[in-house]
Amino acid sequence: MSKRFWLLKTEPDCYAWSDLVRDGWTVWDGVTNNVALKYLREMQPGDEALIYHTGDERRAVGRAEVISAPYPDPQQNDPRMVVVNVRPLAPLPRPVTLADIKADPAFADCALVRQSRLSVAPVTEAQWQRLLAMAGVDSGER
């Protein structure tokens, strides 16, 4: 299966991009929405994700890599609750705001726009490339 791209939302006052950088990797947990859990179950090592700060920030701030297959959340007693491990790759040179994303027609069908409450959402490869371009990521780094 080829690499897939994701958007992972987090409340920056609970766990921010800077926390992921400090920790070196983390268990991406706390996902309870059934649709978001379905997406989490589809993740594979090598997939990439944008870390998106919710709340007052509402912007994508960094790139991360999925480094484990989904597995049952060790903090839960429910096999349907899964987690993955992620590690930071690089901060975005320019954060991409929700307003920027909503203003771009390329994202009209993006889950971030259509299903804004999802904490885990897929991003098409074309949308991924557009997001990285908007963030000022050099095409050689994509």
N, C-alpha and C. Protein backbone atom coordinates (compact mmCIF):
# COMPACT_ATOMS: atom_id res chain seq x y z
N MET A 1 0.85 -1.19 0.00
CA MET A 1 0.00 0.00 0.00
C MET A 1 0.89 1.25 0.00
N SER A 2 0.49 2.24 -0.75
CA SER A 2 1.31 3.45 -0.85
C SER A 2 1.09 4.37 0.35
N LYS A 3 2.02 5.30 0.49
CA LYS A 3 1.98 6.25 1.60
C LYS A 3 0.68 7.06 1.54
N ARG A 4 0.11 7.29 2.71
CA ARG A 4 -1.08 8.13 2.82
C ARG A 4 -0.75 9.34 3.67
N PHE A 5 -1.64 10.31 3.59
CA PHE A 5 -1.43 11.58 4.27
C PHE A 5 -2.62 11.90 5.16
N TRP A 6 -2.32 12.49 6.30
CA TRP A 6 -3.33 12.70 7.33
C TRP A 6 -3.20 14.08 7.96
N LEU A 7 -4.25 14.46 8.63
CA LEU A 7 -4.25 15.66 9.47
C LEU A 7 -4.59 15.19 10.88
N LEU A 8 -3.74 15.50 11.84
CA LEU A 8 -3.96 15.13 13.24
C LEU A 8 -4.16 16.41 14.04
N LYS A 9 -5.32 16.52 14.66
CA LYS A 9 -5.63 17.72 15.43
C LYS A 9 -5.28 17.51 16.90
N THR A 10 -4.82 18.58 17.51
CA THR A 10 -4.53 18.55 18.93
C THR A 10 -4.77 19.93 19.54
N GLU A 11 -5.21 19.93 20.78
CA GLU A 11 -5.34 21.19 21.52
C GLU A 11 -3.94 21.57 21.99
N PRO A 12 -3.40 22.69 21.54
CA PRO A 12 -2.02 23.02 21.89
C PRO A 12 -1.77 23.20 23.38
N ASP A 13 -2.82 23.52 24.15
CA ASP A 13 -2.60 23.64 25.60
C ASP A 13 -2.59 22.28 26.29
N CYS A 14 -3.00 21.21 25.56
CA CYS A 14 -2.92 19.85 26.10
C CYS A 14 -1.68 19.13 25.60
N TYR A 15 -1.46 19.18 24.28
CA TYR A 15 -0.27 18.58 23.68
C TYR A 15 0.00 19.31 22.39
N ALA A 16 1.06 20.10 22.38
CA ALA A 16 1.39 20.95 21.24
C ALA A 16 2.51 20.34 20.40
N TRP A 17 2.72 20.92 19.24
CA TRP A 17 3.82 20.53 18.36
C TRP A 17 5.14 20.55 19.14
N SER A 18 5.34 21.58 19.94
CA SER A 18 6.59 21.69 20.71
C SER A 18 6.75 20.51 21.68
N ASP A 19 5.64 19.98 22.19
CA ASP A 19 5.71 18.80 23.06
C ASP A 19 6.18 17.58 22.28
N LEU A 20 5.65 17.42 21.07
CA LEU A 20 6.07 16.30 20.22
C LEU A 20 7.55 16.40 19.90
N VAL A 21 8.02 17.59 19.58
CA VAL A 21 9.43 17.79 19.29
C VAL A 21 10.27 17.45 20.53
N ARG A 22 9.85 17.94 21.68
CA ARG A 22 10.58 17.67 22.93
C ARG A 22 10.63 16.17 23.23
N ASP A 23 9.49 15.49 23.04
CA ASP A 23 9.40 14.07 23.39
C ASP A 23 10.08 13.16 22.37
N GLY A 24 10.19 13.61 21.13
CA GLY A 24 10.80 12.79 20.09
C GLY A 24 9.83 11.85 19.39
N TRP A 25 8.81 11.43 20.09
CA TRP A 25 7.72 10.62 19.54
C TRP A 25 6.62 10.57 20.59
N THR A 26 5.42 10.17 20.19
CA THR A 26 4.34 10.03 21.16
C THR A 26 3.33 9.00 20.69
N VAL A 27 2.55 8.53 21.62
CA VAL A 27 1.38 7.71 21.31
C VAL A 27 0.25 8.69 21.00
N TRP A 28 -0.31 8.60 19.79
CA TRP A 28 -1.41 9.49 19.42
C TRP A 28 -2.69 8.86 19.92
N ASP A 29 -3.16 9.36 21.06
CA ASP A 29 -4.32 8.75 21.72
C ASP A 29 -5.41 9.77 21.96
N GLY A 30 -6.45 9.35 22.64
CA GLY A 30 -7.54 10.26 22.97
C GLY A 30 -8.59 10.37 21.89
N VAL A 31 -8.47 9.59 20.82
CA VAL A 31 -9.44 9.64 19.72
C VAL A 31 -10.63 8.75 20.09
N THR A 32 -11.83 9.32 20.07
CA THR A 32 -13.02 8.55 20.44
C THR A 32 -14.10 8.53 19.36
N ASN A 33 -14.06 9.47 18.43
CA ASN A 33 -15.05 9.52 17.36
C ASN A 33 -14.89 8.30 16.46
N ASN A 34 -16.00 7.63 16.12
CA ASN A 34 -15.92 6.41 15.33
C ASN A 34 -15.29 6.61 13.96
N VAL A 35 -15.61 7.71 13.29
CA VAL A 35 -15.03 7.97 11.97
C VAL A 35 -13.52 8.24 12.11
N ALA A 36 -13.14 9.05 13.10
CA ALA A 36 -11.72 9.33 13.33
C ALA A 36 -10.97 8.05 13.69
N LEU A 37 -11.60 7.17 14.48
CA LEU A 37 -10.97 5.89 14.83
C LEU A 37 -10.80 5.02 13.58
N LYS A 38 -11.78 5.05 12.68
CA LYS A 38 -11.67 4.31 11.42
C LYS A 38 -10.43 4.78 10.66
N TYR A 39 -10.23 6.09 10.58
CA TYR A 39 -9.05 6.62 9.90
C TYR A 39 -7.78 6.22 10.62
N LEU A 40 -7.79 6.25 11.94
CA LEU A 40 -6.61 5.86 12.71
C LEU A 40 -6.24 4.41 12.41
N ARG A 41 -7.25 3.55 12.27
CA ARG A 41 -7.00 2.13 11.96
C ARG A 41 -6.40 1.94 10.57
N GLU A 42 -6.55 2.93 9.68
CA GLU A 42 -6.02 2.83 8.33
C GLU A 42 -4.56 3.28 8.23
N MET A 43 -4.04 3.92 9.26
CA MET A 43 -2.68 4.45 9.22
C MET A 43 -1.66 3.32 9.23
N GLN A 44 -0.54 3.59 8.55
CA GLN A 44 0.55 2.61 8.48
C GLN A 44 1.88 3.32 8.68
N PRO A 45 2.89 2.62 9.16
CA PRO A 45 4.20 3.23 9.30
C PRO A 45 4.65 3.83 7.97
N GLY A 46 5.22 5.02 8.03
CA GLY A 46 5.66 5.71 6.83
C GLY A 46 4.66 6.74 6.33
N ASP A 47 3.39 6.63 6.74
CA ASP A 47 2.42 7.66 6.40
C ASP A 47 2.86 8.97 7.05
N GLU A 48 2.46 10.08 6.45
CA GLU A 48 2.81 11.38 7.02
C GLU A 48 1.56 12.12 7.47
N ALA A 49 1.75 13.01 8.42
CA ALA A 49 0.62 13.77 8.96
C ALA A 49 1.04 15.21 9.22
N LEU A 50 0.09 16.09 9.09
CA LEU A 50 0.26 17.46 9.53
C LEU A 50 -0.33 17.56 10.92
N ILE A 51 0.41 18.15 11.82
CA ILE A 51 -0.08 18.40 13.17
C ILE A 51 -0.79 19.75 13.13
N TYR A 52 -2.05 19.72 13.54
CA TYR A 52 -2.91 20.90 13.44
C TYR A 52 -3.34 21.32 14.84
N HIS A 53 -3.03 22.55 15.21
CA HIS A 53 -3.46 23.09 16.50
C HIS A 53 -4.88 23.62 16.39
N THR A 54 -5.74 23.14 17.28
CA THR A 54 -7.13 23.59 17.31
C THR A 54 -7.25 24.79 18.25
N GLY A 55 -8.46 25.05 18.72
CA GLY A 55 -8.68 26.14 19.67
C GLY A 55 -8.49 27.49 19.01
N ASP A 56 -7.82 28.38 19.70
CA ASP A 56 -7.63 29.74 19.19
C ASP A 56 -6.68 29.80 18.00
N GLU A 57 -5.78 28.82 17.87
CA GLU A 57 -4.78 28.86 16.79
C GLU A 57 -5.36 28.47 15.44
N ARG A 58 -5.98 27.31 15.36
CA ARG A 58 -6.57 26.80 14.12
C ARG A 58 -5.61 26.88 12.94
N ARG A 59 -4.51 26.13 13.06
CA ARG A 59 -3.52 26.15 11.99
C ARG A 59 -2.65 24.89 12.04
N ALA A 60 -2.21 24.47 10.86
CA ALA A 60 -1.26 23.37 10.74
C ALA A 60 0.12 23.93 11.04
N VAL A 61 0.88 23.24 11.90
CA VAL A 61 2.14 23.80 12.37
C VAL A 61 3.36 22.92 12.11
N GLY A 62 3.17 21.62 11.86
CA GLY A 62 4.33 20.76 11.67
C GLY A 62 4.00 19.47 10.96
N ARG A 63 5.05 18.82 10.44
CA ARG A 63 4.93 17.53 9.76
C ARG A 63 5.42 16.42 10.67
N ALA A 64 4.68 15.31 10.65
CA ALA A 64 5.04 14.16 11.47
C ALA A 64 4.94 12.89 10.64
N GLU A 65 5.55 11.83 11.15
CA GLU A 65 5.50 10.53 10.48
C GLU A 65 4.87 9.51 11.42
N VAL A 66 4.01 8.68 10.87
CA VAL A 66 3.45 7.55 11.62
C VAL A 66 4.54 6.49 11.69
N ILE A 67 4.86 6.04 12.90
CA ILE A 67 5.98 5.09 13.05
C ILE A 67 5.54 3.73 13.61
N SER A 68 4.22 3.52 13.73
CA SER A 68 3.73 2.20 14.15
C SER A 68 2.42 1.91 13.44
N ALA A 69 2.11 0.64 13.35
CA ALA A 69 0.77 0.26 12.91
C ALA A 69 -0.19 0.55 14.07
N PRO A 70 -1.47 0.68 13.78
CA PRO A 70 -2.43 0.89 14.87
C PRO A 70 -2.41 -0.30 15.84
N TYR A 71 -2.61 0.01 17.10
CA TYR A 71 -2.68 -1.03 18.12
C TYR A 71 -3.65 -0.60 19.21
N PRO A 72 -4.18 -1.55 19.99
CA PRO A 72 -5.15 -1.18 21.04
C PRO A 72 -4.55 -0.19 22.03
N ASP A 73 -5.33 0.80 22.38
CA ASP A 73 -4.89 1.82 23.33
C ASP A 73 -4.63 1.17 24.68
N PRO A 74 -3.38 1.21 25.16
CA PRO A 74 -3.07 0.55 26.43
C PRO A 74 -3.77 1.19 27.63
N GLN A 75 -4.28 2.40 27.46
CA GLN A 75 -4.97 3.09 28.54
C GLN A 75 -6.47 2.75 28.60
N GLN A 76 -6.95 2.04 27.59
CA GLN A 76 -8.37 1.73 27.51
C GLN A 76 -8.57 0.22 27.63
N ASN A 77 -9.74 -0.16 28.07
CA ASN A 77 -10.08 -1.57 28.16
C ASN A 77 -11.10 -1.90 27.07
N ASP A 78 -10.81 -1.42 25.85
CA ASP A 78 -11.74 -1.57 24.73
C ASP A 78 -10.91 -1.74 23.46
N PRO A 79 -10.94 -2.91 22.83
CA PRO A 79 -10.10 -3.15 21.66
C PRO A 79 -10.45 -2.25 20.46
N ARG A 80 -11.60 -1.63 20.47
CA ARG A 80 -11.97 -0.72 19.38
C ARG A 80 -11.21 0.60 19.46
N MET A 81 -10.70 0.92 20.64
CA MET A 81 -9.95 2.16 20.84
C MET A 81 -8.50 1.91 20.47
N VAL A 82 -8.05 2.54 19.39
CA VAL A 82 -6.70 2.29 18.90
C VAL A 82 -5.87 3.57 18.93
N VAL A 83 -4.56 3.37 18.85
CA VAL A 83 -3.60 4.47 18.84
C VAL A 83 -2.53 4.14 17.80
N VAL A 84 -1.74 5.13 17.43
CA VAL A 84 -0.53 4.94 16.63
C VAL A 84 0.57 5.76 17.29
N ASN A 85 1.80 5.44 16.96
CA ASN A 85 2.93 6.25 17.41
C ASN A 85 3.34 7.18 16.27
N VAL A 86 3.66 8.42 16.62
CA VAL A 86 4.11 9.39 15.63
C VAL A 86 5.37 10.08 16.13
N ARG A 87 6.18 10.53 15.17
CA ARG A 87 7.39 11.29 15.51
C ARG A 87 7.40 12.56 14.67
N PRO A 88 8.01 13.61 15.19
CA PRO A 88 8.06 14.86 14.43
C PRO A 88 9.05 14.75 13.27
N LEU A 89 8.74 15.39 12.16
CA LEU A 89 9.67 15.49 11.04
C LEU A 89 10.24 16.90 10.96
N ALA A 90 9.36 17.90 10.84
CA ALA A 90 9.84 19.28 10.71
C ALA A 90 8.70 20.25 10.96
N PRO A 91 9.02 21.40 11.55
CA PRO A 91 7.99 22.43 11.67
C PRO A 91 7.69 22.99 10.28
N LEU A 92 6.50 23.50 10.09
CA LEU A 92 6.18 24.17 8.84
C LEU A 92 6.84 25.55 8.85
N PRO A 93 7.50 25.94 7.77
CA PRO A 93 8.12 27.27 7.72
C PRO A 93 7.10 28.38 7.98
N ARG A 94 5.90 28.18 7.48
CA ARG A 94 4.79 29.11 7.66
C ARG A 94 3.57 28.30 8.06
N PRO A 95 3.01 28.48 9.26
CA PRO A 95 1.78 27.76 9.60
C PRO A 95 0.68 28.06 8.58
N VAL A 96 -0.16 27.06 8.32
CA VAL A 96 -1.27 27.22 7.39
C VAL A 96 -2.56 27.28 8.21
N THR A 97 -3.24 28.42 8.13
CA THR A 97 -4.43 28.63 8.95
C THR A 97 -5.67 27.98 8.33
N LEU A 98 -6.65 27.75 9.18
CA LEU A 98 -7.93 27.23 8.72
C LEU A 98 -8.55 28.19 7.70
N ALA A 99 -8.42 29.48 7.94
CA ALA A 99 -8.96 30.47 6.99
C ALA A 99 -8.30 30.32 5.63
N ASP A 100 -6.98 30.11 5.59
CA ASP A 100 -6.28 29.90 4.32
C ASP A 100 -6.80 28.65 3.61
N ILE A 101 -7.00 27.59 4.39
CA ILE A 101 -7.47 26.33 3.82
C ILE A 101 -8.89 26.49 3.27
N LYS A 102 -9.77 27.11 4.04
CA LYS A 102 -11.15 27.30 3.59
C LYS A 102 -11.24 28.21 2.36
N ALA A 103 -10.30 29.12 2.22
CA ALA A 103 -10.32 30.05 1.09
C ALA A 103 -9.83 29.42 -0.21
N ASP A 104 -9.19 28.25 -0.13
CA ASP A 104 -8.62 27.60 -1.31
C ASP A 104 -9.59 26.53 -1.83
N PRO A 105 -10.05 26.66 -3.08
CA PRO A 105 -10.99 25.69 -3.63
C PRO A 105 -10.47 24.25 -3.66
N ALA A 106 -9.16 24.07 -3.60
CA ALA A 106 -8.58 22.73 -3.61
C ALA A 106 -9.02 21.92 -2.38
N PHE A 107 -9.51 22.59 -1.36
CA PHE A 107 -9.88 21.91 -0.11
C PHE A 107 -11.40 21.82 0.11
N ALA A 108 -12.17 22.09 -0.93
CA ALA A 108 -13.64 22.08 -0.79
C ALA A 108 -14.15 20.74 -0.27
N ASP A 109 -13.50 19.64 -0.66
CA ASP A 109 -13.96 18.32 -0.21
C ASP A 109 -13.10 17.75 0.91
N CYS A 110 -12.20 18.54 1.46
CA CYS A 110 -11.31 18.10 2.54
C CYS A 110 -12.11 17.89 3.83
N ALA A 111 -11.79 16.82 4.55
CA ALA A 111 -12.50 16.52 5.80
C ALA A 111 -12.37 17.65 6.82
N LEU A 112 -11.25 18.35 6.81
CA LEU A 112 -11.07 19.47 7.74
C LEU A 112 -12.15 20.53 7.51
N VAL A 113 -12.55 20.70 6.27
CA VAL A 113 -13.57 21.69 5.93
C VAL A 113 -14.97 21.08 6.07
N ARG A 114 -15.16 19.86 5.57
CA ARG A 114 -16.49 19.23 5.56
C ARG A 114 -16.89 18.65 6.92
N GLN A 115 -15.96 18.06 7.64
CA GLN A 115 -16.24 17.41 8.92
C GLN A 115 -15.27 17.97 9.96
N SER A 116 -15.45 19.22 10.28
CA SER A 116 -14.48 19.95 11.08
C SER A 116 -14.27 19.39 12.49
N ARG A 117 -15.15 18.55 12.97
CA ARG A 117 -15.00 18.03 14.33
C ARG A 117 -14.08 16.81 14.41
N LEU A 118 -13.71 16.25 13.26
CA LEU A 118 -12.85 15.07 13.28
C LEU A 118 -11.43 15.42 13.73
N SER A 119 -10.89 14.62 14.63
CA SER A 119 -9.53 14.87 15.12
C SER A 119 -8.48 14.16 14.27
N VAL A 120 -8.90 13.21 13.44
CA VAL A 120 -8.03 12.51 12.51
C VAL A 120 -8.75 12.51 11.17
N ALA A 121 -8.09 12.99 10.13
CA ALA A 121 -8.74 13.07 8.83
C ALA A 121 -7.73 12.82 7.72
N PRO A 122 -8.18 12.15 6.66
CA PRO A 122 -7.30 11.93 5.52
C PRO A 122 -7.15 13.20 4.69
N VAL A 123 -6.01 13.29 4.00
CA VAL A 123 -5.73 14.39 3.08
C VAL A 123 -5.27 13.72 1.79
N THR A 124 -5.80 14.13 0.65
CA THR A 124 -5.35 13.54 -0.61
C THR A 124 -3.91 13.97 -0.87
N GLU A 125 -3.24 13.26 -1.77
CA GLU A 125 -1.86 13.63 -2.09
C GLU A 125 -1.80 15.03 -2.69
N ALA A 126 -2.78 15.36 -3.55
CA ALA A 126 -2.81 16.70 -4.15
C ALA A 126 -3.01 17.77 -3.07
N GLN A 127 -3.90 17.50 -2.11
CA GLN A 127 -4.12 18.46 -1.02
C GLN A 127 -2.87 18.57 -0.15
N TRP A 128 -2.21 17.45 0.09
CA TRP A 128 -0.96 17.43 0.87
C TRP A 128 0.07 18.34 0.21
N GLN A 129 0.27 18.15 -1.09
CA GLN A 129 1.26 18.96 -1.81
C GLN A 129 0.87 20.44 -1.77
N ARG A 130 -0.40 20.73 -1.88
CA ARG A 130 -0.87 22.12 -1.83
C ARG A 130 -0.62 22.70 -0.43
N LEU A 131 -0.92 21.94 0.61
CA LEU A 131 -0.68 22.41 1.98
C LEU A 131 0.80 22.71 2.21
N LEU A 132 1.67 21.81 1.74
CA LEU A 132 3.10 22.04 1.92
C LEU A 132 3.56 23.27 1.15
N ALA A 133 3.01 23.46 -0.05
CA ALA A 133 3.36 24.66 -0.82
C ALA A 133 2.89 25.92 -0.09
N MET A 134 1.68 25.90 0.45
CA MET A 134 1.16 27.03 1.20
C MET A 134 2.02 27.33 2.43
N ALA A 135 2.61 26.27 2.99
CA ALA A 135 3.44 26.41 4.19
C ALA A 135 4.87 26.85 3.85
N GLY A 136 5.19 26.91 2.57
CA GLY A 136 6.53 27.32 2.18
C GLY A 136 7.56 26.21 2.24
N VAL A 137 7.10 24.95 2.22
CA VAL A 137 8.03 23.82 2.22
C VAL A 137 8.61 23.70 0.82
N ASP A 138 9.92 23.64 0.73
CA ASP A 138 10.63 23.50 -0.54
C ASP A 138 10.19 22.22 -1.23
N SER A 139 9.97 22.26 -2.53
CA SER A 139 9.48 21.08 -3.26
C SER A 139 10.42 19.89 -3.12
N GLY A 140 11.69 20.10 -2.87
CA GLY A 140 12.63 19.01 -2.66
C GLY A 140 12.44 18.29 -1.32
N GLU A 141 11.73 18.95 -0.39
CA GLU A 141 11.50 18.36 0.93
C GLU A 141 10.18 17.60 1.01
N ARG A 142 9.39 17.67 -0.06
CA ARG A 142 8.08 17.05 -0.02
C ARG A 142 8.21 15.61 -0.36
